[in-house]
Protein backbone atom coordinates (compact mmCIF):
# COMPACT_ATOMS: atom_id res chain seq x y z
CA MET A 1 202.17 44.48 -36.97
CA GLU A 2 201.15 46.25 -33.76
CA ALA A 3 200.75 42.91 -32.01
CA PHE A 4 204.37 42.03 -32.78
CA ASP A 5 205.56 45.45 -31.60
CA PHE A 6 203.63 44.91 -28.37
CA ALA A 7 205.11 41.43 -27.92
CA ILE A 8 208.62 42.84 -28.42
CA VAL A 9 207.99 45.55 -25.81
CA ILE A 10 206.89 42.90 -23.33
CA LYS A 11 209.73 40.49 -24.15
CA GLU A 12 212.74 42.06 -25.88
CA ASP A 13 214.31 38.70 -26.71
CA PHE A 14 211.26 37.29 -28.52
CA ALA A 15 213.01 36.31 -31.76
CA GLN A 16 209.88 34.88 -33.37
CA ALA A 17 208.07 38.23 -32.97
CA TYR A 18 210.93 40.01 -34.76
CA PHE A 19 210.90 37.33 -37.46
CA ASN A 20 207.13 37.54 -38.02
CA LYS A 21 207.22 41.33 -38.08
CA ALA A 22 210.03 41.18 -40.63
CA GLN A 23 208.03 38.76 -42.80
CA ILE A 24 205.16 41.26 -42.97
CA GLN A 25 207.53 44.13 -43.72
CA LEU A 26 209.15 42.07 -46.45
CA ASP A 27 205.76 41.25 -47.99
CA LEU A 28 204.92 44.97 -47.96
CA GLY A 29 208.17 45.82 -49.74
CA GLN A 30 209.60 47.60 -46.68
CA TYR A 31 213.01 46.05 -47.22
CA GLN A 32 215.05 48.32 -44.95
CA LYS A 33 212.66 47.82 -42.03
CA ALA A 34 212.48 44.08 -42.71
CA LEU A 35 216.26 43.88 -42.78
CA GLN A 36 216.51 45.51 -39.36
CA SER A 37 213.86 43.20 -37.94
CA PHE A 38 215.59 40.12 -39.35
CA LEU A 39 218.92 41.32 -37.94
CA ASN A 40 217.26 41.74 -34.53
CA ALA A 41 215.87 38.20 -34.75
CA ASN A 42 219.26 36.85 -35.74
CA ALA A 43 220.96 38.61 -32.83
CA ILE A 44 218.71 36.65 -30.48
CA ARG A 45 218.54 33.33 -32.32
CA GLU A 46 221.84 33.16 -34.14
CA ASP A 47 222.35 31.14 -37.29
CA ASP A 48 218.68 30.35 -37.87
CA MET A 49 218.54 29.22 -41.48
CA HIS A 50 215.25 30.95 -42.28
CA THR A 51 216.29 34.25 -40.74
CA LEU A 52 219.59 34.22 -42.60
CA TYR A 53 217.86 33.42 -45.89
CA HIS A 54 215.40 36.28 -45.56
CA THR A 55 218.16 38.65 -44.41
CA ALA A 56 219.99 37.87 -47.64
CA GLU A 57 216.75 38.41 -49.56
CA CYS A 58 216.49 41.91 -48.06
CA TYR A 59 220.09 42.71 -48.95
CA GLU A 60 219.42 41.56 -52.50
CA SER A 61 216.26 43.67 -52.78
CA LEU A 62 218.14 46.68 -51.44
CA GLU A 63 220.98 45.93 -53.90
CA MET A 64 223.55 45.88 -51.12
């Protein structure tokens, strides 16, 4: 996770780093953090099917 944080610090618009970080957070059950990371990825790379799917998965897990 630290590697993704470091990559994001170096390059703020690195959508794949946000996505990969979110995947780990999702796997760890950190749904709120994962949601924010997926939303950050989507802001950079809009309408990516995988990002949107996992964003919805977070909303569902958070019962939103």
